[in-house]
Each structure stands twice: as structure tokens, then as C-alpha cells.
């Protein structure tokens, strides 16, 4: 990111001629990988929460069934 900032600081013409494109691709690749890993962790956490809630609901249904019968 620092290299991209330094490249952009060289001025508009430097950017317009595509001199920062390779650096930009590398930054995007890195950010994409980080986003993928973060999404993967979030999905797993959501699955764990869902399993926990499903267990709570199942216990509640069992309690309800025990009271009715």
C-alpha cells in the first residue's frame, strides 16, 4: 500500500500513463486474499452460532413437549 501511495504521489501523469498499474494489481491481490480469509472466518462463526441456536430451540421444543403431555 505504501508503494502505491508513493507511486500516486508522483503525480497525475505518472498514474495516467499506467506506471502504477503493477503495484495496484499486487495490492488488489493482497486485499482480495485478506477479504477471502475474513469471509471464511465469518461464515464459520455464523455456522457455529446457528448450531448453538438450533440446540437452544431443540431444548425449548423438548421442554414444551414435556409440559403439554
PDB file of N, CA and C in Angstrom:
ATOM      1  N   UNK A   1       0.835  -1.182   0.000  1.00  0.00           N
ATOM      2  CA  UNK A   1       0.000   0.000   0.000  1.00  0.00           C
ATOM      3  C   UNK A   1       0.880   1.246   0.000  1.00  0.00           C
ATOM      4  N   UNK A   2       1.970   1.174   0.737  1.00  0.00           N
ATOM      5  CA  UNK A   2       2.881   2.314   0.795  1.00  0.00           C
ATOM      6  C   UNK A   2       3.476   2.590  -0.585  1.00  0.00           C
ATOM      7  N   UNK A   3       3.844   1.524  -1.280  1.00  0.00           N
ATOM      8  CA  UNK A   3       4.420   1.693  -2.617  1.00  0.00           C
ATOM      9  C   UNK A   3       3.406   2.329  -3.565  1.00  0.00           C
ATOM     10  N   UNK A   4       2.151   1.949  -3.439  1.00  0.00           N
ATOM     11  CA  UNK A   4       1.110   2.535  -4.288  1.00  0.00           C
ATOM     12  C   UNK A   4       0.910   4.012  -3.948  1.00  0.00           C
ATOM     13  N   UNK A   5       0.904   4.325  -2.672  1.00  0.00           N
ATOM     14  CA  UNK A   5       0.784   5.732  -2.263  1.00  0.00           C
ATOM     15  C   UNK A   5       1.944   6.557  -2.807  1.00  0.00           C
ATOM     16  N   UNK A   6       3.148   5.993  -2.732  1.00  0.00           N
ATOM     17  CA  UNK A   6       4.324   6.700  -3.252  1.00  0.00           C
ATOM     18  C   UNK A   6       4.225   6.888  -4.760  1.00  0.00           C
ATOM     19  N   UNK A   7       3.739   5.886  -5.440  1.00  0.00           N
ATOM     20  CA  UNK A   7       3.577   5.980  -6.889  1.00  0.00           C
ATOM     21  C   UNK A   7       2.561   7.068  -7.238  1.00  0.00           C
ATOM     22  N   UNK A   8       1.446   7.078  -6.531  1.00  0.00           N
ATOM     23  CA  UNK A   8       0.412   8.080  -6.778  1.00  0.00           C
ATOM     24  C   UNK A   8       0.899   9.488  -6.432  1.00  0.00           C
ATOM     25  N   UNK A   9       1.787   9.584  -5.455  1.00  0.00           N
ATOM     26  CA  UNK A   9       2.307  10.886  -5.059  1.00  0.00           C
ATOM     27  C   UNK A   9       3.184  11.505  -6.149  1.00  0.00           C
ATOM     28  N   UNK A  10       3.630  10.717  -7.080  1.00  0.00           N
ATOM     29  CA  UNK A  10       4.475  11.242  -8.165  1.00  0.00           C
ATOM     30  C   UNK A  10       3.684  12.125  -9.124  1.00  0.00           C
ATOM     31  N   UNK A  11       2.375  12.031  -9.085  1.00  0.00           N
ATOM     32  CA  UNK A  11       1.560  12.938  -9.894  1.00  0.00           C
ATOM     33  C   UNK A  11       0.598  12.220 -10.819  1.00  0.00           C
ATOM     34  N   UNK A  12      -0.293  13.032 -11.361  1.00  0.00           N
ATOM     35  CA  UNK A  12      -1.363  12.517 -12.223  1.00  0.00           C
ATOM     36  C   UNK A  12      -0.808  11.862 -13.478  1.00  0.00           C
ATOM     37  N   UNK A  13       0.143  12.477 -14.113  1.00  0.00           N
ATOM     38  CA  UNK A  13       0.675  11.953 -15.369  1.00  0.00           C
ATOM     39  C   UNK A  13       1.304  10.574 -15.166  1.00  0.00           C
ATOM     40  N   UNK A  14       1.983  10.404 -14.046  1.00  0.00           N
ATOM     41  CA  UNK A  14       2.583   9.113 -13.718  1.00  0.00           C
ATOM     42  C   UNK A  14       1.507   8.028 -13.646  1.00  0.00           C
ATOM     43  N   UNK A  15       0.392   8.355 -12.975  1.00  0.00           N
ATOM     44  CA  UNK A  15      -0.722   7.406 -12.859  1.00  0.00           C
ATOM     45  C   UNK A  15      -1.393   7.203 -14.211  1.00  0.00           C
ATOM     46  N   UNK A  16      -1.612   8.292 -14.941  1.00  0.00           N
ATOM     47  CA  UNK A  16      -2.340   8.237 -16.211  1.00  0.00           C
ATOM     48  C   UNK A  16      -1.613   7.378 -17.247  1.00  0.00           C
ATOM     49  N   UNK A  17      -0.311   7.335 -17.184  1.00  0.00           N
ATOM     50  CA  UNK A  17       0.462   6.542 -18.134  1.00  0.00           C
ATOM     51  C   UNK A  17       0.561   5.076 -17.720  1.00  0.00           C
ATOM     52  N   UNK A  18      -0.044   4.736 -16.586  1.00  0.00           N
ATOM     53  CA  UNK A  18      -0.115   3.336 -16.162  1.00  0.00           C
ATOM     54  C   UNK A  18       1.109   2.846 -15.422  1.00  0.00           C
ATOM     55  N   UNK A  19       1.902   3.761 -14.921  1.00  0.00           N
ATOM     56  CA  UNK A  19       3.116   3.350 -14.222  1.00  0.00           C
ATOM     57  C   UNK A  19       2.841   2.741 -12.851  1.00  0.00           C
ATOM     58  N   UNK A  20       1.640   2.891 -12.339  1.00  0.00           N
ATOM     59  CA  UNK A  20       1.294   2.342 -11.021  1.00  0.00           C
ATOM     60  C   UNK A  20       0.455   1.065 -11.122  1.00  0.00           C
ATOM     61  N   UNK A  21       0.169   0.635 -12.340  1.00  0.00           N
ATOM     62  CA  UNK A  21      -0.754  -0.494 -12.532  1.00  0.00           C
ATOM     63  C   UNK A  21      -0.267  -1.792 -11.903  1.00  0.00           C
ATOM     64  N   UNK A  22       1.002  -2.112 -12.053  1.00  0.00           N
ATOM     65  CA  UNK A  22       1.518  -3.371 -11.491  1.00  0.00           C
ATOM     66  C   UNK A  22       1.423  -3.371  -9.967  1.00  0.00           C
ATOM     67  N   UNK A  23       1.758  -2.240  -9.375  1.00  0.00           N
ATOM     68  CA  UNK A  23       1.673  -2.123  -7.915  1.00  0.00           C
ATOM     69  C   UNK A  23       0.218  -2.251  -7.475  1.00  0.00           C
ATOM     70  N   UNK A  24      -0.675  -1.611  -8.224  1.00  0.00           N
ATOM     71  CA  UNK A  24      -2.111  -1.655  -7.900  1.00  0.00           C
ATOM     72  C   UNK A  24      -2.627  -3.094  -7.969  1.00  0.00           C
ATOM     73  N   UNK A  25      -2.198  -3.852  -8.972  1.00  0.00           N
ATOM     74  CA  UNK A  25      -2.628  -5.258  -9.092  1.00  0.00           C
ATOM     75  C   UNK A  25      -2.173  -6.080  -7.879  1.00  0.00           C
ATOM     76  N   UNK A  26      -0.951  -5.856  -7.450  1.00  0.00           N
ATOM     77  CA  UNK A  26      -0.434  -6.579  -6.288  1.00  0.00           C
ATOM     78  C   UNK A  26      -1.212  -6.221  -5.019  1.00  0.00           C
ATOM     79  N   UNK A  27      -1.529  -4.948  -4.853  1.00  0.00           N
ATOM     80  CA  UNK A  27      -2.312  -4.516  -3.687  1.00  0.00           C
ATOM     81  C   UNK A  27      -3.701  -5.158  -3.730  1.00  0.00           C
ATOM     82  N   UNK A  28      -4.337  -5.135  -4.903  1.00  0.00           N
ATOM     83  CA  UNK A  28      -5.673  -5.735  -5.031  1.00  0.00           C
ATOM     84  C   UNK A  28      -5.643  -7.236  -4.750  1.00  0.00           C
ATOM     85  N   UNK A  29      -4.587  -7.903  -5.206  1.00  0.00           N
ATOM     86  CA  UNK A  29      -4.444  -9.336  -4.975  1.00  0.00           C
ATOM     87  C   UNK A  29      -4.336  -9.622  -3.471  1.00  0.00           C
ATOM     88  N   UNK A  30      -3.543  -8.823  -2.787  1.00  0.00           N
ATOM     89  CA  UNK A  30      -3.361  -8.990  -1.349  1.00  0.00           C
ATOM     90  C   UNK A  30      -4.665  -8.714  -0.596  1.00  0.00           C
ATOM     91  N   UNK A  31      -5.334  -7.624  -0.957  1.00  0.00           N
ATOM     92  CA  UNK A  31      -6.591  -7.284  -0.290  1.00  0.00           C
ATOM     93  C   UNK A  31      -7.662  -8.327  -0.554  1.00  0.00           C
ATOM     94  N   UNK A  32      -7.682  -8.867  -1.762  1.00  0.00           N
ATOM     95  CA  UNK A  32      -8.640  -9.919  -2.095  1.00  0.00           C
ATOM     96  C   UNK A  32      -8.426 -11.155  -1.238  1.00  0.00           C
ATOM     97  N   UNK A  33      -7.170 -11.515  -1.044  1.00  0.00           N
ATOM     98  CA  UNK A  33      -6.850 -12.686  -0.219  1.00  0.00           C
ATOM     99  C   UNK A  33      -7.268 -12.446   1.233  1.00  0.00           C
ATOM    100  N   UNK A  34      -7.025 -11.257   1.731  1.00  0.00           N
ATOM    101  CA  UNK A  34      -7.442 -10.925   3.100  1.00  0.00           C
ATOM    102  C   UNK A  34      -8.957 -10.964   3.233  1.00  0.00           C
ATOM    103  N   UNK A  35      -9.668 -10.431   2.240  1.00  0.00           N
ATOM    104  CA  UNK A  35     -11.132 -10.432   2.276  1.00  0.00           C
ATOM    105  C   UNK A  35     -11.670 -11.861   2.253  1.00  0.00           C
ATOM    106  N   UNK A  36     -11.059 -12.718   1.441  1.00  0.00           N
ATOM    107  CA  UNK A  36     -11.473 -14.112   1.366  1.00  0.00           C
ATOM    108  C   UNK A  36     -11.324 -14.797   2.724  1.00  0.00           C
ATOM    109  N   UNK A  37     -10.190 -14.599   3.374  1.00  0.00           N
ATOM    110  CA  UNK A  37      -9.959 -15.205   4.680  1.00  0.00           C
ATOM    111  C   UNK A  37     -10.934 -14.670   5.727  1.00  0.00           C
ATOM    112  N   UNK A  38     -11.203 -13.365   5.701  1.00  0.00           N
ATOM    113  CA  UNK A  38     -12.142 -12.776   6.652  1.00  0.00           C
ATOM    114  C   UNK A  38     -13.551 -13.335   6.436  1.00  0.00           C
ATOM    115  N   UNK A  39     -13.959 -13.457   5.172  1.00  0.00           N
ATOM    116  CA  UNK A  39     -15.282 -14.011   4.868  1.00  0.00           C
ATOM    117  C   UNK A  39     -15.377 -15.465   5.320  1.00  0.00           C
ATOM    118  N   UNK A  40     -14.298 -16.205   5.145  1.00  0.00           N
ATOM    119  CA  UNK A  40     -14.265 -17.608   5.568  1.00  0.00           C
ATOM    120  C   UNK A  40     -14.450 -17.716   7.083  1.00  0.00           C
ATOM    121  N   UNK A  41     -13.741 -16.862   7.832  1.00  0.00           N
ATOM    122  CA  UNK A  41     -13.891 -16.861   9.302  1.00  0.00           C
ATOM    123  C   UNK A  41     -15.309 -16.460   9.699  1.00  0.00           C
ATOM    124  N   UNK A  42     -15.868 -15.460   9.029  1.00  0.00           N
ATOM    125  CA  UNK A  42     -17.228 -15.010   9.345  1.00  0.00           C
ATOM    126  C   UNK A  42     -18.256 -16.097   9.068  1.00  0.00           C
ATOM    127  N   UNK A  43     -18.090 -16.822   7.954  1.00  0.00           N
ATOM    128  CA  UNK A  43     -19.019 -17.916   7.638  1.00  0.00           C
ATOM    129  C   UNK A  43     -18.982 -18.993   8.712  1.00  0.00           C
ATOM    130  N   UNK A  44     -17.780 -19.362   9.134  1.00  0.00           N
ATOM    131  CA  UNK A  44     -17.649 -20.404  10.160  1.00  0.00           C
ATOM    132  C   UNK A  44     -18.260 -19.941  11.479  1.00  0.00           C
ATOM    133  N   UNK A  45     -18.033 -18.694  11.831  1.00  0.00           N
ATOM    134  CA  UNK A  45     -18.616 -18.166  13.067  1.00  0.00           C
ATOM    135  C   UNK A  45     -20.147 -18.166  12.980  1.00  0.00           C
ATOM    136  N   UNK A  46     -20.687 -17.799  11.829  1.00  0.00           N
ATOM    137  CA  UNK A  46     -22.141 -17.805  11.645  1.00  0.00           C
ATOM    138  C   UNK A  46     -22.692 -19.224  11.751  1.00  0.00           C
ATOM    139  N   UNK A  47     -21.968 -20.198  11.196  1.00  0.00           N
ATOM    140  CA  UNK A  47     -22.408 -21.599  11.295  1.00  0.00           C
ATOM    141  C   UNK A  47     -22.415 -22.074  12.741  1.00  0.00           C
ATOM    142  N   UNK A  48     -21.386 -21.698  13.487  1.00  0.00           N
ATOM    143  CA  UNK A  48     -21.330 -22.077  14.901  1.00  0.00           C
ATOM    144  C   UNK A  48     -22.495 -21.454  15.668  1.00  0.00           C
ATOM    145  N   UNK A  49     -22.764 -20.187  15.417  1.00  0.00           N
ATOM    146  CA  UNK A  49     -23.893 -19.522  16.082  1.00  0.00           C
ATOM    147  C   UNK A  49     -25.209 -20.189  15.720  1.00  0.00           C
ATOM    148  N   UNK A  50     -25.359 -20.568  14.457  1.00  0.00           N
ATOM    149  CA  UNK A  50     -26.593 -21.220  14.016  1.00  0.00           C
ATOM    150  C   UNK A  50     -26.766 -22.570  14.717  1.00  0.00           C
ATOM    151  N   UNK A  51     -25.675 -23.335  14.823  1.00  0.00           N
ATOM    152  CA  UNK A  51     -25.754 -24.626  15.520  1.00  0.00           C
ATOM    153  C   UNK A  51     -26.143 -24.433  16.981  1.00  0.00           C
ATOM    154  N   UNK A  52     -25.588 -23.418  17.611  1.00  0.00           N
ATOM    155  CA  UNK A  52     -25.916 -23.126  19.011  1.00  0.00           C
ATOM    156  C   UNK A  52     -27.397 -22.766  19.152  1.00  0.00           C
ATOM    157  N   UNK A  53     -27.892 -21.923  18.272  1.00  0.00           N
ATOM    158  CA  UNK A  53     -29.295 -21.516  18.327  1.00  0.00           C
ATOM    159  C   UNK A  53     -30.210 -22.706  18.049  1.00  0.00           C
ATOM    160  N   UNK A  54     -29.826 -23.553  17.093  1.00  0.00           N
ATOM    161  CA  UNK A  54     -30.627 -24.750  16.800  1.00  0.00           C
ATOM    162  C   UNK A  54     -30.721 -25.646  18.033  1.00  0.00           C
ATOM    163  N   UNK A  55     -29.614 -25.797  18.777  1.00  0.00           N
ATOM    164  CA  UNK A  55     -29.639 -26.607  20.006  1.00  0.00           C
ATOM    165  C   UNK A  55     -30.577 -25.995  21.040  1.00  0.00           C
ATOM    166  N   UNK A  56     -30.510 -24.684  21.194  1.00  0.00           N
ATOM    167  CA  UNK A  56     -31.382 -23.993  22.155  1.00  0.00           C
ATOM    168  C   UNK A  56     -32.838 -24.198  21.775  1.00  0.00           C
ATOM    169  N   UNK A  57     -33.146 -24.051  20.477  1.00  0.00           N
ATOM    170  CA  UNK A  57     -34.524 -24.240  20.035  1.00  0.00           C
ATOM    171  C   UNK A  57     -34.985 -25.677  20.261  1.00  0.00           C
ATOM    172  N   UNK A  58     -34.103 -26.647  20.006  1.00  0.00           N
ATOM    173  CA  UNK A  58     -34.462 -28.056  20.206  1.00  0.00           C
ATOM    174  C   UNK A  58     -34.747 -28.319  21.689  1.00  0.00           C
ATOM    175  N   UNK A  59     -33.919 -27.771  22.563  1.00  0.00           N
ATOM    176  CA  UNK A  59     -34.158 -27.927  24.004  1.00  0.00           C
ATOM    177  C   UNK A  59     -35.487 -27.290  24.403  1.00  0.00           C
ATOM    178  N   UNK A  60     -35.765 -26.143  23.848  1.00  0.00           N
ATOM    179  CA  UNK A  60     -37.022 -25.453  24.162  1.00  0.00           C
ATOM    180  C   UNK A  60     -38.222 -26.271  23.682  1.00  0.00           C
ATOM    181  N   UNK A  61     -38.104 -26.857  22.488  1.00  0.00           N
ATOM    182  CA  UNK A  61     -39.210 -27.700  21.984  1.00  0.00           C
ATOM    183  C   UNK A  61     -39.418 -28.910  22.879  1.00  0.00           C
ATOM    184  N   UNK A  62     -38.307 -29.487  23.351  1.00  0.00           N
ATOM    185  CA  UNK A  62     -38.427 -30.647  24.254  1.00  0.00           C
ATOM    186  C   UNK A  62     -39.119 -30.253  25.546  1.00  0.00           C
ATOM    187  N   UNK A  63     -38.753 -29.103  26.082  1.00  0.00           N
ATOM    188  CA  UNK A  63     -39.424 -28.627  27.311  1.00  0.00           C
ATOM    189  C   UNK A  63     -40.908 -28.399  27.068  1.00  0.00           C
ATOM    190  N   UNK A  64     -41.212 -27.774  25.937  1.00  0.00           N
ATOM    191  CA  UNK A  64     -42.619 -27.508  25.595  1.00  0.00           C
ATOM    192  C   UNK A  64     -43.383 -28.822  25.461  1.00  0.00           C
ATOM    193  N   UNK A  65     -42.804 -29.804  24.799  1.00  0.00           N
ATOM    194  CA  UNK A  65     -43.465 -31.088  24.589  1.00  0.00           C
ATOM    195  C   UNK A  65     -43.673 -31.790  25.937  1.00  0.00           C
ATOM    196  N   UNK A  66     -42.730 -31.666  26.835  1.00  0.00           N
ATOM    197  CA  UNK A  66     -42.850 -32.290  28.147  1.00  0.00           C
ATOM    198  C   UNK A  66     -43.961 -31.671  28.972  1.00  0.00           C
ATOM    199  N   UNK A  67     -44.194 -30.417  28.838  1.00  0.00           N
ATOM    200  CA  UNK A  67     -45.248 -29.718  29.590  1.00  0.00           C
ATOM    201  C   UNK A  67     -46.636 -30.071  29.071  1.00  0.00           C
ATOM    202  N   UNK A  68     -46.750 -30.234  27.760  1.00  0.00           N
ATOM    203  CA  UNK A  68     -48.061 -30.493  27.159  1.00  0.00           C
ATOM    204  C   UNK A  68     -48.504 -31.912  27.460  1.00  0.00           C
ATOM    205  N   UNK A  69     -47.622 -32.868  27.395  1.00  0.00           N
ATOM    206  CA  UNK A  69     -48.015 -34.268  27.577  1.00  0.00           C
ATOM    207  C   UNK A  69     -48.195 -34.623  28.978  1.00  0.00           C
TER     208      UNK A  69
END
